[in-house]
Amino acid sequence: MFRNDTQPEPPPRTTTRPLSFSDDKGNEQKWLPGGPRPALDAFREFMDQRRRDGSTSLSIEDEENEEALVLLFDGGAVCRVEFDGSVLRRTHPRDMRHRLEILTRVDGREPATDGEVTHLGFGNGDTVNAWLAADGRALVVTFDRTSALNPLDHAGAHAASLYDGVPADLLALVRDVPETETTLNVPHPDGGTLVAATGVFHFSGPCAMADGLVTRLQEAGSDIEDTGVGRLLDGFLVMTDFALATVAAAAEWWSAEDVARGFAETAASGQEQSVAPPPGPGGGGPLLPDLGRLRVQRPLGCALRPLRQPHL
């Protein structure tokens, strides 16, 4: 084929959208187009620094396209995470807290605050639990007895591995703690106990699915539905009108009286606050200023596709 060698090579492709770099320790860095350094150079510098600090996973998030790449160093894998259809990601954290507080009371329980952390939870057997810190960080855990990820059906190491990548201070909220009406403890391979989970999502800067959960889904060829988040939580988050009548119609296992009580008690508690716009494009928001990321924060009806599995 004829080639005119006098023609200049095409310029290298450049990224024209903002990116977020983050790690499993809650560090995050923004990159903006038009800056002095290409995105690749900026990420390499971020990766070198974070690896020296002991990070075991990194992510590059393209918020505009709602997708991210996750580098799992311990697992030797790179995964693509797509956020399209992710209900948790599109729900503003204040709205999520507001709805979980109501659902906790509808279920006949009270929010439990210890220091600066509040525990909310609902369900009987299949459960949703959330630990929310005053600074906006949070851990959301689902437990679906029918899931292939049920730790009761696996050896002890399985339960702990799902929490890999969760920052230590958030992980401490589910380690060696008393069981509650909505939590079940399982043995931890290093001793002590851990709250049983089939889905682990944390808000510790970037909104993210735990790296261990990402790895497990990848290895099993499973999808986000195996975490139970779709069946147990998404339906309450997608409601554009989260009101007594809509909740009562959607959750037939609760009586109308239970639902009315939950809304009334939350209003009477003095904790009722204005909430964000209903979920939808642009309706989400960071738990902390300028947070936006994966992993994952990845909770969530996202699609997970392995890009490669290197031979180690």
Foldseek 3Di string as FASTA:
>chain_A
DDDDPVDDDDDDDADQAKKWKDFLQLDIDIDHPPDPDGPVVVVVVVVVVVVVVPTQKMKIDRVVQQKIWMQGNVQQFIKIKHCVQWLVQLFALVRVVLLQQLQQQLQVHHWDDDPQWTWGKHDAQWIWIKIAGNLLKIKIFTADPPFPQFCVVDDQQSQVLQQASHHPVRQVVFWQDDDDRGWDWDAHPVGGTGTTGLWMWIASQALATHPSNLVVCAVVVHWPVSRVCVVHPSVCQQDQDNDLVVVCVVDVVGHSVSSVRSVVVCVVVPVDDDGFGGGDVVRYAHSHPPGHDDNLPPNGRMGMDTPDRDDD
